[in-house]
């Protein structure tokens, strides 16, 4: 059980180690203004904290280092969602407002902002529809017997694909085909389009429908794997990576894994604030020496994405959690404006 004094000592150890990456000695803790105890008392309390799993020592004569359990206690002490400190909120807002009106660019900008502010790897997944659907199509004549199909997905992502035709088509022909196909496929989920037995009677209509479904399938595959990453060099400059090739390899393995990011995105829900996974709380072995802070954004049951950071467990949680939460909320506002969700 954590007494008031043990809690004070754990806070001091955690905050000092987060700042310095150097194990915290009992003599340094005893000098803290918030404590009025001897170094011997501090040493005894540190032994108890170690036995209870809140700290560990790299070797017998070293100072204390927070364990995953110790960092979790530190996070649990934080009082719910708070606004970012200092200039962080302004930088997040200004960076996103300057971003081009492009769905994918929002994710890239958000990752860049977080990497810069928190000095570690930041990631963002582009918006992905919970049930991918085609919002609508357009047909444009490029030249004789060659038409461009424009497919607009629910996430406001646009694809273009060429279709060869067996005869010349007039503007009127293209408009009629567009109207018939939109009536057949617009707003329907990709799963329902795949399962449907309904087929257009006209050959060119069938070409357009098949091409549009193919584009939607490619879109779904790409969006599930897509992510924006920034700040890898910042992560590797952290003291934890000095002479620790295994840790570096774990970071690379995690960053290269589609499954890792799919799981992290699934864990983050829009409007719920940031979720924090510390060390071995992460389900993937490659993340066991890291902490992940991730927040969802988007419109629930329509389109969602995730934004967050991957950092050593020695991350400044008191600053990082509000910054990630605020970034997710800011992206929410942008997406809701675009989708008319209020």
C-alpha atoms as a PDB file:
ATOM      1  CA  UNK A   1       0.000   0.000   0.000  1.00  0.00           C
ATOM      2  CA  UNK A   2       1.262   3.473  -0.835  1.00  0.00           C
ATOM      3  CA  UNK A   3       1.446   5.720   2.196  1.00  0.00           C
ATOM      4  CA  UNK A   4       1.605   9.485   1.785  1.00  0.00           C
ATOM      5  CA  UNK A   5       5.376   9.435   2.196  1.00  0.00           C
ATOM      6  CA  UNK A   6       5.896   6.615  -0.280  1.00  0.00           C
ATOM      7  CA  UNK A   7       3.680   8.490  -2.739  1.00  0.00           C
ATOM      8  CA  UNK A   8       5.779  11.631  -2.323  1.00  0.00           C
ATOM      9  CA  UNK A   9       9.000   9.684  -2.872  1.00  0.00           C
ATOM     10  CA  UNK A  10       7.599   7.905  -5.943  1.00  0.00           C
ATOM     11  CA  UNK A  11       6.556  11.245  -7.450  1.00  0.00           C
ATOM     12  CA  UNK A  12      10.023  12.670  -6.877  1.00  0.00           C
ATOM     13  CA  UNK A  13      11.720   9.624  -8.419  1.00  0.00           C
ATOM     14  CA  UNK A  14       9.399   9.609 -11.431  1.00  0.00           C
ATOM     15  CA  UNK A  15       9.606  13.339 -12.130  1.00  0.00           C
ATOM     16  CA  UNK A  16      13.408  13.469 -11.697  1.00  0.00           C
ATOM     17  CA  UNK A  17      13.994  10.403 -13.848  1.00  0.00           C
ATOM     18  CA  UNK A  18      11.674  11.691 -16.584  1.00  0.00           C
ATOM     19  CA  UNK A  19      13.725  14.912 -16.661  1.00  0.00           C
ATOM     20  CA  UNK A  20      17.225  13.444 -16.447  1.00  0.00           C
ATOM     21  CA  UNK A  21      17.133   9.751 -17.461  1.00  0.00           C
ATOM     22  CA  UNK A  22      19.496   9.203 -14.504  1.00  0.00           C
ATOM     23  CA  UNK A  23      18.554   6.845 -11.620  1.00  0.00           C
ATOM     24  CA  UNK A  24      17.519   8.927  -8.608  1.00  0.00           C
ATOM     25  CA  UNK A  25      19.631   8.532  -5.476  1.00  0.00           C
ATOM     26  CA  UNK A  26      18.179   8.536  -1.960  1.00  0.00           C
ATOM     27  CA  UNK A  27      20.383  11.498  -1.010  1.00  0.00           C
ATOM     28  CA  UNK A  28      18.850  13.591  -3.796  1.00  0.00           C
ATOM     29  CA  UNK A  29      15.342  12.615  -2.687  1.00  0.00           C
ATOM     30  CA  UNK A  30      16.095  13.519   0.937  1.00  0.00           C
ATOM     31  CA  UNK A  31      17.028  17.046  -0.153  1.00  0.00           C
ATOM     32  CA  UNK A  32      13.593  17.648  -1.658  1.00  0.00           C
ATOM     33  CA  UNK A  33      11.779  20.518   0.027  1.00  0.00           C
ATOM     34  CA  UNK A  34       8.543  18.517   0.233  1.00  0.00           C
ATOM     35  CA  UNK A  35      10.213  15.910   2.463  1.00  0.00           C
ATOM     36  CA  UNK A  36      11.531  16.288   5.994  1.00  0.00           C
ATOM     37  CA  UNK A  37      13.145  12.904   6.514  1.00  0.00           C
ATOM     38  CA  UNK A  38      16.652  11.507   6.678  1.00  0.00           C
ATOM     39  CA  UNK A  39      18.438   9.727   3.818  1.00  0.00           C
ATOM     40  CA  UNK A  40      18.200   6.510   5.843  1.00  0.00           C
ATOM     41  CA  UNK A  41      14.404   6.802   6.003  1.00  0.00           C
ATOM     42  CA  UNK A  42      14.280   7.478   2.271  1.00  0.00           C
ATOM     43  CA  UNK A  43      16.395   4.374   1.610  1.00  0.00           C
ATOM     44  CA  UNK A  44      14.018   2.249   3.671  1.00  0.00           C
ATOM     45  CA  UNK A  45      11.010   3.603   1.806  1.00  0.00           C
ATOM     46  CA  UNK A  46      12.754   2.987  -1.523  1.00  0.00           C
ATOM     47  CA  UNK A  47      13.338  -0.634  -0.520  1.00  0.00           C
ATOM     48  CA  UNK A  48       9.615  -0.943   0.185  1.00  0.00           C
ATOM     49  CA  UNK A  49       8.729   0.704  -3.138  1.00  0.00           C
ATOM     50  CA  UNK A  50      11.024  -1.742  -4.918  1.00  0.00           C
ATOM     51  CA  UNK A  51       9.516  -4.730  -3.115  1.00  0.00           C
ATOM     52  CA  UNK A  52       6.027  -3.521  -4.080  1.00  0.00           C
ATOM     53  CA  UNK A  53       7.068  -3.193  -7.737  1.00  0.00           C
ATOM     54  CA  UNK A  54       6.856   0.591  -8.140  1.00  0.00           C
ATOM     55  CA  UNK A  55      10.568   1.127  -8.784  1.00  0.00           C
ATOM     56  CA  UNK A  56      13.626  -0.906  -9.692  1.00  0.00           C
ATOM     57  CA  UNK A  57      17.373  -0.344  -9.616  1.00  0.00           C
ATOM     58  CA  UNK A  58      19.610  -0.980 -12.634  1.00  0.00           C
ATOM     59  CA  UNK A  59      22.164  -2.417 -10.184  1.00  0.00           C
ATOM     60  CA  UNK A  60      22.480  -2.765  -6.415  1.00  0.00           C
ATOM     61  CA  UNK A  61      24.221   0.560  -5.770  1.00  0.00           C
ATOM     62  CA  UNK A  62      22.195   2.598  -8.255  1.00  0.00           C
ATOM     63  CA  UNK A  63      19.354   4.958  -7.495  1.00  0.00           C
ATOM     64  CA  UNK A  64      15.710   4.252  -8.215  1.00  0.00           C
ATOM     65  CA  UNK A  65      14.006   4.088 -11.607  1.00  0.00           C
ATOM     66  CA  UNK A  66      10.201   3.908 -11.991  1.00  0.00           C
ATOM     67  CA  UNK A  67       8.807   0.584 -13.200  1.00  0.00           C
ATOM     68  CA  UNK A  68       5.797   0.259 -15.494  1.00  0.00           C
ATOM     69  CA  UNK A  69       3.688   0.002 -12.329  1.00  0.00           C
ATOM     70  CA  UNK A  70       5.261   3.196 -10.997  1.00  0.00           C
ATOM     71  CA  UNK A  71       4.523   5.111 -14.188  1.00  0.00           C
ATOM     72  CA  UNK A  72       0.972   3.765 -14.182  1.00  0.00           C
ATOM     73  CA  UNK A  73       0.513   5.124 -10.678  1.00  0.00           C
ATOM     74  CA  UNK A  74       1.856   8.488 -11.841  1.00  0.00           C
ATOM     75  CA  UNK A  75      -0.675   8.559 -14.699  1.00  0.00           C
ATOM     76  CA  UNK A  76      -3.497   7.501 -12.377  1.00  0.00           C
ATOM     77  CA  UNK A  77      -2.693  10.461 -10.144  1.00  0.00           C
ATOM     78  CA  UNK A  78      -3.328  12.901 -12.990  1.00  0.00           C
ATOM     79  CA  UNK A  79      -6.695  14.595 -12.617  1.00  0.00           C
ATOM     80  CA  UNK A  80      -8.667  13.649 -15.714  1.00  0.00           C
ATOM     81  CA  UNK A  81      -8.395  15.477 -19.058  1.00  0.00           C
ATOM     82  CA  UNK A  82      -6.675  18.842 -18.713  1.00  0.00           C
ATOM     83  CA  UNK A  83      -5.771  21.544 -21.194  1.00  0.00           C
ATOM     84  CA  UNK A  84      -2.228  21.483 -22.577  1.00  0.00           C
ATOM     85  CA  UNK A  85       0.220  23.618 -20.627  1.00  0.00           C
ATOM     86  CA  UNK A  86       1.983  26.731 -21.865  1.00  0.00           C
ATOM     87  CA  UNK A  87       2.049  27.304 -25.586  1.00  0.00           C
ATOM     88  CA  UNK A  88       1.221  23.726 -26.614  1.00  0.00           C
ATOM     89  CA  UNK A  89      -2.474  24.302 -27.350  1.00  0.00           C
ATOM     90  CA  UNK A  90      -1.752  27.343 -29.509  1.00  0.00           C
ATOM     91  CA  UNK A  91       0.867  25.457 -31.535  1.00  0.00           C
ATOM     92  CA  UNK A  92      -1.500  22.529 -32.135  1.00  0.00           C
ATOM     93  CA  UNK A  93      -4.296  24.844 -33.227  1.00  0.00           C
ATOM     94  CA  UNK A  94      -2.099  27.041 -35.413  1.00  0.00           C
ATOM     95  CA  UNK A  95      -0.466  24.048 -37.112  1.00  0.00           C
ATOM     96  CA  UNK A  96      -3.782  22.409 -37.994  1.00  0.00           C
ATOM     97  CA  UNK A  97      -5.338  25.671 -39.195  1.00  0.00           C
ATOM     98  CA  UNK A  98      -2.416  26.156 -41.596  1.00  0.00           C
ATOM     99  CA  UNK A  99      -2.780  22.624 -42.962  1.00  0.00           C
ATOM    100  CA  UNK A 100      -4.210  22.313 -46.509  1.00  0.00           C
ATOM    101  CA  UNK A 101      -7.865  21.330 -46.804  1.00  0.00           C
ATOM    102  CA  UNK A 102      -6.900  17.745 -47.491  1.00  0.00           C
ATOM    103  CA  UNK A 103      -8.098  14.794 -45.403  1.00  0.00           C
ATOM    104  CA  UNK A 104      -4.803  12.904 -45.471  1.00  0.00           C
ATOM    105  CA  UNK A 105      -2.746  16.043 -44.872  1.00  0.00           C
ATOM    106  CA  UNK A 106      -4.526  16.649 -41.567  1.00  0.00           C
ATOM    107  CA  UNK A 107      -3.144  13.355 -40.271  1.00  0.00           C
ATOM    108  CA  UNK A 108       0.366  14.158 -41.478  1.00  0.00           C
ATOM    109  CA  UNK A 109       0.242  17.637 -39.934  1.00  0.00           C
ATOM    110  CA  UNK A 110      -1.023  16.293 -36.612  1.00  0.00           C
ATOM    111  CA  UNK A 111       1.816  13.748 -36.458  1.00  0.00           C
ATOM    112  CA  UNK A 112       4.368  16.438 -37.299  1.00  0.00           C
ATOM    113  CA  UNK A 113       3.054  18.743 -34.556  1.00  0.00           C
ATOM    114  CA  UNK A 114       3.162  16.024 -31.900  1.00  0.00           C
ATOM    115  CA  UNK A 115       6.656  14.865 -32.885  1.00  0.00           C
ATOM    116  CA  UNK A 116       7.929  18.435 -32.661  1.00  0.00           C
ATOM    117  CA  UNK A 117       6.255  19.248 -29.335  1.00  0.00           C
ATOM    118  CA  UNK A 118       6.999  15.975 -27.530  1.00  0.00           C
ATOM    119  CA  UNK A 119      10.323  15.105 -29.200  1.00  0.00           C
ATOM    120  CA  UNK A 120       9.482  11.530 -30.106  1.00  0.00           C
ATOM    121  CA  UNK A 121       7.798   9.430 -32.786  1.00  0.00           C
ATOM    122  CA  UNK A 122       4.268  10.567 -33.512  1.00  0.00           C
ATOM    123  CA  UNK A 123       1.738   8.846 -35.743  1.00  0.00           C
ATOM    124  CA  UNK A 124      -1.692   9.434 -37.190  1.00  0.00           C
ATOM    125  CA  UNK A 125      -3.972   7.187 -39.187  1.00  0.00           C
ATOM    126  CA  UNK A 126      -6.074   8.820 -41.916  1.00  0.00           C
ATOM    127  CA  UNK A 127      -9.841   8.748 -41.605  1.00  0.00           C
ATOM    128  CA  UNK A 128     -11.308   5.330 -42.299  1.00  0.00           C
ATOM    129  CA  UNK A 129     -15.003   4.644 -42.695  1.00  0.00           C
ATOM    130  CA  UNK A 130     -16.430   2.124 -40.255  1.00  0.00           C
ATOM    131  CA  UNK A 131     -18.412   0.737 -43.196  1.00  0.00           C
ATOM    132  CA  UNK A 132     -16.585   1.972 -46.304  1.00  0.00           C
ATOM    133  CA  UNK A 133     -18.951   3.249 -48.944  1.00  0.00           C
ATOM    134  CA  UNK A 134     -18.870   5.173 -52.204  1.00  0.00           C
ATOM    135  CA  UNK A 135     -20.307   8.658 -51.849  1.00  0.00           C
ATOM    136  CA  UNK A 136     -20.710   9.079 -55.592  1.00  0.00           C
ATOM    137  CA  UNK A 137     -19.081   8.863 -59.011  1.00  0.00           C
ATOM    138  CA  UNK A 138     -18.447  11.148 -61.948  1.00  0.00           C
ATOM    139  CA  UNK A 139     -17.581  10.275 -65.565  1.00  0.00           C
ATOM    140  CA  UNK A 140     -15.410  12.459 -67.798  1.00  0.00           C
ATOM    141  CA  UNK A 141     -14.580  11.891 -71.450  1.00  0.00           C
ATOM    142  CA  UNK A 142     -10.833  12.179 -72.061  1.00  0.00           C
ATOM    143  CA  UNK A 143     -10.687  11.150 -75.711  1.00  0.00           C
ATOM    144  CA  UNK A 144     -12.367   8.731 -78.075  1.00  0.00           C
ATOM    145  CA  UNK A 145     -13.221   5.454 -76.305  1.00  0.00           C
ATOM    146  CA  UNK A 146     -11.442   6.541 -73.109  1.00  0.00           C
ATOM    147  CA  UNK A 147     -13.329   7.739 -70.026  1.00  0.00           C
ATOM    148  CA  UNK A 148     -12.091   8.798 -66.611  1.00  0.00           C
ATOM    149  CA  UNK A 149     -14.053   7.432 -63.660  1.00  0.00           C
ATOM    150  CA  UNK A 150     -13.886   9.669 -60.563  1.00  0.00           C
ATOM    151  CA  UNK A 151     -14.887   7.904 -57.337  1.00  0.00           C
ATOM    152  CA  UNK A 152     -15.541   9.903 -54.171  1.00  0.00           C
ATOM    153  CA  UNK A 153     -15.387   7.822 -51.000  1.00  0.00           C
ATOM    154  CA  UNK A 154     -17.275   8.498 -47.781  1.00  0.00           C
ATOM    155  CA  UNK A 155     -14.087   9.868 -46.163  1.00  0.00           C
ATOM    156  CA  UNK A 156     -13.944  12.581 -48.875  1.00  0.00           C
ATOM    157  CA  UNK A 157     -11.023  10.811 -50.572  1.00  0.00           C
ATOM    158  CA  UNK A 158     -11.064  10.957 -54.361  1.00  0.00           C
ATOM    159  CA  UNK A 159      -9.782   8.299 -56.782  1.00  0.00           C
ATOM    160  CA  UNK A 160      -9.454   8.413 -60.563  1.00  0.00           C
ATOM    161  CA  UNK A 161      -9.406   5.436 -62.884  1.00  0.00           C
ATOM    162  CA  UNK A 162      -9.408   5.096 -66.670  1.00  0.00           C
ATOM    163  CA  UNK A 163     -11.993   2.968 -68.463  1.00  0.00           C
ATOM    164  CA  UNK A 164     -11.649   1.887 -72.094  1.00  0.00           C
ATOM    165  CA  UNK A 165     -14.971   1.772 -73.901  1.00  0.00           C
ATOM    166  CA  UNK A 166     -16.011  -0.285 -76.914  1.00  0.00           C
ATOM    167  CA  UNK A 167     -17.591   2.743 -78.629  1.00  0.00           C
ATOM    168  CA  UNK A 168     -17.618   6.517 -78.477  1.00  0.00           C
ATOM    169  CA  UNK A 169     -19.932   7.889 -75.803  1.00  0.00           C
ATOM    170  CA  UNK A 170     -21.569  11.302 -75.818  1.00  0.00           C
ATOM    171  CA  UNK A 171     -21.788  13.634 -72.846  1.00  0.00           C
ATOM    172  CA  UNK A 172     -25.444  12.662 -72.594  1.00  0.00           C
ATOM    173  CA  UNK A 173     -24.530   8.949 -72.504  1.00  0.00           C
ATOM    174  CA  UNK A 174     -22.043   9.583 -69.678  1.00  0.00           C
ATOM    175  CA  UNK A 175     -24.522  11.610 -67.666  1.00  0.00           C
ATOM    176  CA  UNK A 176     -27.198   8.921 -67.930  1.00  0.00           C
ATOM    177  CA  UNK A 177     -24.725   6.191 -66.926  1.00  0.00           C
ATOM    178  CA  UNK A 178     -23.529   8.296 -64.017  1.00  0.00           C
ATOM    179  CA  UNK A 179     -27.078   8.779 -62.755  1.00  0.00           C
ATOM    180  CA  UNK A 180     -27.967   5.090 -63.081  1.00  0.00           C
ATOM    181  CA  UNK A 181     -24.775   3.912 -61.375  1.00  0.00           C
ATOM    182  CA  UNK A 182     -24.994   6.461 -58.557  1.00  0.00           C
ATOM    183  CA  UNK A 183     -28.549   5.315 -57.878  1.00  0.00           C
ATOM    184  CA  UNK A 184     -27.302   1.735 -57.679  1.00  0.00           C
ATOM    185  CA  UNK A 185     -24.137   2.117 -55.550  1.00  0.00           C
ATOM    186  CA  UNK A 186     -23.984   5.512 -53.796  1.00  0.00           C
ATOM    187  CA  UNK A 187     -24.156   5.288 -50.017  1.00  0.00           C
ATOM    188  CA  UNK A 188     -24.032   1.490 -49.922  1.00  0.00           C
ATOM    189  CA  UNK A 189     -21.310  -0.245 -47.955  1.00  0.00           C
ATOM    190  CA  UNK A 190     -18.578  -2.097 -49.782  1.00  0.00           C
ATOM    191  CA  UNK A 191     -19.709  -5.322 -48.115  1.00  0.00           C
ATOM    192  CA  UNK A 192     -23.263  -4.935 -49.413  1.00  0.00           C
ATOM    193  CA  UNK A 193     -22.045  -4.110 -52.932  1.00  0.00           C
ATOM    194  CA  UNK A 194     -19.903  -7.239 -52.961  1.00  0.00           C
ATOM    195  CA  UNK A 195     -22.783  -9.380 -51.768  1.00  0.00           C
ATOM    196  CA  UNK A 196     -25.372  -7.942 -54.154  1.00  0.00           C
ATOM    197  CA  UNK A 197     -26.603 -10.027 -57.075  1.00  0.00           C
ATOM    198  CA  UNK A 198     -27.928  -6.928 -58.835  1.00  0.00           C
ATOM    199  CA  UNK A 199     -26.107  -6.294 -62.131  1.00  0.00           C
ATOM    200  CA  UNK A 200     -26.644  -3.458 -64.626  1.00  0.00           C
ATOM    201  CA  UNK A 201     -28.122  -4.468 -67.955  1.00  0.00           C
ATOM    202  CA  UNK A 202     -25.892  -2.190 -70.036  1.00  0.00           C
ATOM    203  CA  UNK A 203     -22.290  -3.232 -70.698  1.00  0.00           C
ATOM    204  CA  UNK A 204     -20.732   0.160 -69.948  1.00  0.00           C
ATOM    205  CA  UNK A 205     -22.767   0.489 -66.740  1.00  0.00           C
ATOM    206  CA  UNK A 206     -21.329  -2.875 -65.639  1.00  0.00           C
ATOM    207  CA  UNK A 207     -17.818  -1.648 -66.433  1.00  0.00           C
ATOM    208  CA  UNK A 208     -18.342   1.440 -64.295  1.00  0.00           C
ATOM    209  CA  UNK A 209     -19.846  -0.474 -61.371  1.00  0.00           C
ATOM    210  CA  UNK A 210     -17.080  -3.095 -61.403  1.00  0.00           C
ATOM    211  CA  UNK A 211     -14.395  -0.426 -61.632  1.00  0.00           C
ATOM    212  CA  UNK A 212     -15.941   1.584 -58.781  1.00  0.00           C
ATOM    213  CA  UNK A 213     -16.133  -1.496 -56.534  1.00  0.00           C
ATOM    214  CA  UNK A 214     -12.523  -2.302 -57.379  1.00  0.00           C
ATOM    215  CA  UNK A 215     -11.493   1.230 -56.400  1.00  0.00           C
ATOM    216  CA  UNK A 216     -13.436   0.943 -53.127  1.00  0.00           C
ATOM    217  CA  UNK A 217     -11.721  -2.372 -52.331  1.00  0.00           C
ATOM    218  CA  UNK A 218      -8.300  -0.858 -52.958  1.00  0.00           C
ATOM    219  CA  UNK A 219      -9.272   2.126 -50.840  1.00  0.00           C
ATOM    220  CA  UNK A 220     -10.289  -0.088 -47.917  1.00  0.00           C
ATOM    221  CA  UNK A 221      -7.026  -2.047 -48.051  1.00  0.00           C
ATOM    222  CA  UNK A 222      -4.862   1.057 -48.285  1.00  0.00           C
ATOM    223  CA  UNK A 223      -6.671   2.941 -45.497  1.00  0.00           C
ATOM    224  CA  UNK A 224      -6.394   0.055 -43.066  1.00  0.00           C
ATOM    225  CA  UNK A 225      -2.614   0.040 -43.527  1.00  0.00           C
ATOM    226  CA  UNK A 226      -2.043   3.753 -44.031  1.00  0.00           C
ATOM    227  CA  UNK A 227      -0.393   5.861 -41.354  1.00  0.00           C
ATOM    228  CA  UNK A 228       1.652   9.004 -41.130  1.00  0.00           C
ATOM    229  CA  UNK A 229       4.865   8.861 -39.076  1.00  0.00           C
ATOM    230  CA  UNK A 230       7.059  11.713 -37.941  1.00  0.00           C
ATOM    231  CA  UNK A 231      10.012  12.041 -35.568  1.00  0.00           C
ATOM    232  CA  UNK A 232      11.834   8.711 -35.816  1.00  0.00           C
ATOM    233  CA  UNK A 233      15.214  10.430 -35.467  1.00  0.00           C
ATOM    234  CA  UNK A 234      13.918  12.225 -32.368  1.00  0.00           C
ATOM    235  CA  UNK A 235      13.095   8.903 -30.729  1.00  0.00           C
ATOM    236  CA  UNK A 236      16.505   7.399 -31.448  1.00  0.00           C
ATOM    237  CA  UNK A 237      18.254  10.413 -29.919  1.00  0.00           C
ATOM    238  CA  UNK A 238      16.766   9.583 -26.507  1.00  0.00           C
ATOM    239  CA  UNK A 239      19.270   8.305 -23.866  1.00  0.00           C
ATOM    240  CA  UNK A 240      17.496   4.938 -23.687  1.00  0.00           C
ATOM    241  CA  UNK A 241      18.916   4.000 -27.084  1.00  0.00           C
ATOM    242  CA  UNK A 242      22.575   4.452 -26.161  1.00  0.00           C
ATOM    243  CA  UNK A 243      24.178   1.007 -26.412  1.00  0.00           C
ATOM    244  CA  UNK A 244      20.770  -0.699 -26.600  1.00  0.00           C
ATOM    245  CA  UNK A 245      20.438  -2.213 -30.053  1.00  0.00           C
ATOM    246  CA  UNK A 246      17.601  -4.472 -28.895  1.00  0.00           C
ATOM    247  CA  UNK A 247      15.449  -1.489 -27.943  1.00  0.00           C
ATOM    248  CA  UNK A 248      16.106   0.132 -31.323  1.00  0.00           C
ATOM    249  CA  UNK A 249      15.145  -3.087 -33.109  1.00  0.00           C
ATOM    250  CA  UNK A 250      11.932  -3.307 -31.082  1.00  0.00           C
ATOM    251  CA  UNK A 251      11.034   0.252 -32.088  1.00  0.00           C
ATOM    252  CA  UNK A 252      11.623  -0.483 -35.778  1.00  0.00           C
ATOM    253  CA  UNK A 253       9.590  -3.704 -35.556  1.00  0.00           C
ATOM    254  CA  UNK A 254       6.660  -1.864 -33.992  1.00  0.00           C
ATOM    255  CA  UNK A 255       6.776   1.031 -36.441  1.00  0.00           C
ATOM    256  CA  UNK A 256       6.849  -1.289 -39.452  1.00  0.00           C
ATOM    257  CA  UNK A 257       3.907  -3.403 -38.244  1.00  0.00           C
ATOM    258  CA  UNK A 258       0.487  -2.812 -39.791  1.00  0.00           C
ATOM    259  CA  UNK A 259      -1.132  -4.916 -37.059  1.00  0.00           C
ATOM    260  CA  UNK A 260       0.335  -2.784 -34.256  1.00  0.00           C
ATOM    261  CA  UNK A 261      -1.172   0.397 -35.671  1.00  0.00           C
ATOM    262  CA  UNK A 262      -4.492  -1.239 -36.510  1.00  0.00           C
ATOM    263  CA  UNK A 263      -4.779  -2.340 -32.869  1.00  0.00           C
ATOM    264  CA  UNK A 264      -3.785   1.071 -31.526  1.00  0.00           C
ATOM    265  CA  UNK A 265      -6.316   2.801 -33.775  1.00  0.00           C
ATOM    266  CA  UNK A 266      -8.998   0.369 -32.622  1.00  0.00           C
ATOM    267  CA  UNK A 267      -8.213   1.163 -28.963  1.00  0.00           C
ATOM    268  CA  UNK A 268      -8.774   4.886 -29.445  1.00  0.00           C
ATOM    269  CA  UNK A 269     -12.309   6.233 -29.603  1.00  0.00           C
ATOM    270  CA  UNK A 270     -13.240   9.724 -30.749  1.00  0.00           C
ATOM    271  CA  UNK A 271     -14.311  12.132 -27.983  1.00  0.00           C
ATOM    272  CA  UNK A 272     -12.976   9.884 -25.206  1.00  0.00           C
ATOM    273  CA  UNK A 273      -9.590  11.537 -24.650  1.00  0.00           C
ATOM    274  CA  UNK A 274      -6.219   9.852 -24.840  1.00  0.00           C
ATOM    275  CA  UNK A 275      -5.560   6.229 -23.888  1.00  0.00           C
ATOM    276  CA  UNK A 276      -2.170   5.380 -22.374  1.00  0.00           C
ATOM    277  CA  UNK A 277      -0.389   2.014 -22.615  1.00  0.00           C
ATOM    278  CA  UNK A 278       2.789   1.704 -20.548  1.00  0.00           C
ATOM    279  CA  UNK A 279       5.484  -0.898 -21.228  1.00  0.00           C
ATOM    280  CA  UNK A 280       4.109  -4.404 -20.875  1.00  0.00           C
ATOM    281  CA  UNK A 281       0.535  -3.110 -20.812  1.00  0.00           C
ATOM    282  CA  UNK A 282       0.969  -3.078 -24.602  1.00  0.00           C
ATOM    283  CA  UNK A 283      -0.214  -6.345 -26.119  1.00  0.00           C
ATOM    284  CA  UNK A 284       2.617  -6.452 -28.679  1.00  0.00           C
ATOM    285  CA  UNK A 285       6.072  -7.552 -27.495  1.00  0.00           C
ATOM    286  CA  UNK A 286       7.740  -4.937 -29.698  1.00  0.00           C
ATOM    287  CA  UNK A 287       6.151  -2.202 -27.550  1.00  0.00           C
ATOM    288  CA  UNK A 288       7.136  -3.587 -24.132  1.00  0.00           C
ATOM    289  CA  UNK A 289       9.878  -1.003 -23.612  1.00  0.00           C
ATOM    290  CA  UNK A 290       7.728   1.903 -24.744  1.00  0.00           C
ATOM    291  CA  UNK A 291       4.677   3.891 -23.845  1.00  0.00           C
ATOM    292  CA  UNK A 292       1.963   4.722 -26.349  1.00  0.00           C
ATOM    293  CA  UNK A 293      -0.480   7.580 -25.893  1.00  0.00           C
ATOM    294  CA  UNK A 294      -3.235   7.584 -28.514  1.00  0.00           C
ATOM    295  CA  UNK A 295      -6.484   9.481 -29.079  1.00  0.00           C
ATOM    296  CA  UNK A 296      -9.239   8.873 -31.584  1.00  0.00           C
ATOM    297  CA  UNK A 297     -10.854  11.448 -33.833  1.00  0.00           C
ATOM    298  CA  UNK A 298     -13.642  11.536 -36.387  1.00  0.00           C
ATOM    299  CA  UNK A 299     -17.383  10.989 -36.367  1.00  0.00           C
ATOM    300  CA  UNK A 300     -18.529   7.944 -34.419  1.00  0.00           C
ATOM    301  CA  UNK A 301     -20.046   5.156 -36.546  1.00  0.00           C
ATOM    302  CA  UNK A 302     -19.048   7.000 -39.737  1.00  0.00           C
ATOM    303  CA  UNK A 303     -15.349   7.820 -40.100  1.00  0.00           C
ATOM    304  CA  UNK A 304     -12.584   7.468 -37.535  1.00  0.00           C
ATOM    305  CA  UNK A 305      -8.833   7.852 -37.225  1.00  0.00           C
ATOM    306  CA  UNK A 306      -6.242   7.896 -34.461  1.00  0.00           C
ATOM    307  CA  UNK A 307      -3.355  10.148 -33.477  1.00  0.00           C
ATOM    308  CA  UNK A 308      -0.683   9.591 -30.860  1.00  0.00           C
ATOM    309  CA  UNK A 309       2.928   9.090 -29.849  1.00  0.00           C
ATOM    310  CA  UNK A 310       5.308   6.205 -29.266  1.00  0.00           C
ATOM    311  CA  UNK A 311       7.974   7.075 -26.679  1.00  0.00           C
ATOM    312  CA  UNK A 312      10.242   5.537 -24.052  1.00  0.00           C
ATOM    313  CA  UNK A 313       8.315   4.840 -20.844  1.00  0.00           C
ATOM    314  CA  UNK A 314      10.241   7.828 -19.465  1.00  0.00           C
ATOM    315  CA  UNK A 315       7.841  10.250 -21.151  1.00  0.00           C
ATOM    316  CA  UNK A 316       6.462  13.395 -19.514  1.00  0.00           C
ATOM    317  CA  UNK A 317       2.919  12.047 -19.101  1.00  0.00           C
ATOM    318  CA  UNK A 318       1.633  15.195 -17.386  1.00  0.00           C
ATOM    319  CA  UNK A 319       2.371  17.150 -20.550  1.00  0.00           C
ATOM    320  CA  UNK A 320       2.006  14.486 -23.230  1.00  0.00           C
ATOM    321  CA  UNK A 321      -1.458  13.168 -22.357  1.00  0.00           C
ATOM    322  CA  UNK A 322      -3.156  16.613 -22.552  1.00  0.00           C
ATOM    323  CA  UNK A 323      -1.308  17.443 -25.802  1.00  0.00           C
ATOM    324  CA  UNK A 324      -2.388  14.197 -27.501  1.00  0.00           C
ATOM    325  CA  UNK A 325      -5.941  14.613 -26.188  1.00  0.00           C
ATOM    326  CA  UNK A 326      -6.111  18.212 -27.446  1.00  0.00           C
ATOM    327  CA  UNK A 327      -4.771  17.195 -30.869  1.00  0.00           C
ATOM    328  CA  UNK A 328      -7.460  14.526 -31.190  1.00  0.00           C
ATOM    329  CA  UNK A 329     -10.159  17.012 -30.153  1.00  0.00           C
ATOM    330  CA  UNK A 330      -8.878  19.602 -32.636  1.00  0.00           C
ATOM    331  CA  UNK A 331      -8.978  17.042 -35.453  1.00  0.00           C
ATOM    332  CA  UNK A 332     -12.509  16.153 -34.318  1.00  0.00           C
ATOM    333  CA  UNK A 333     -13.613  19.747 -34.829  1.00  0.00           C
ATOM    334  CA  UNK A 334     -12.177  19.855 -38.343  1.00  0.00           C
ATOM    335  CA  UNK A 335     -13.716  16.545 -39.379  1.00  0.00           C
ATOM    336  CA  UNK A 336     -17.128  17.378 -37.935  1.00  0.00           C
ATOM    337  CA  UNK A 337     -17.153  20.652 -39.840  1.00  0.00           C
ATOM    338  CA  UNK A 338     -16.420  18.863 -43.095  1.00  0.00           C
ATOM    339  CA  UNK A 339     -18.988  16.139 -42.464  1.00  0.00           C
ATOM    340  CA  UNK A 340     -21.638  18.477 -41.125  1.00  0.00           C
ATOM    341  CA  UNK A 341     -21.797  16.605 -37.838  1.00  0.00           C
ATOM    342  CA  UNK A 342     -21.992  19.771 -35.722  1.00  0.00           C
END
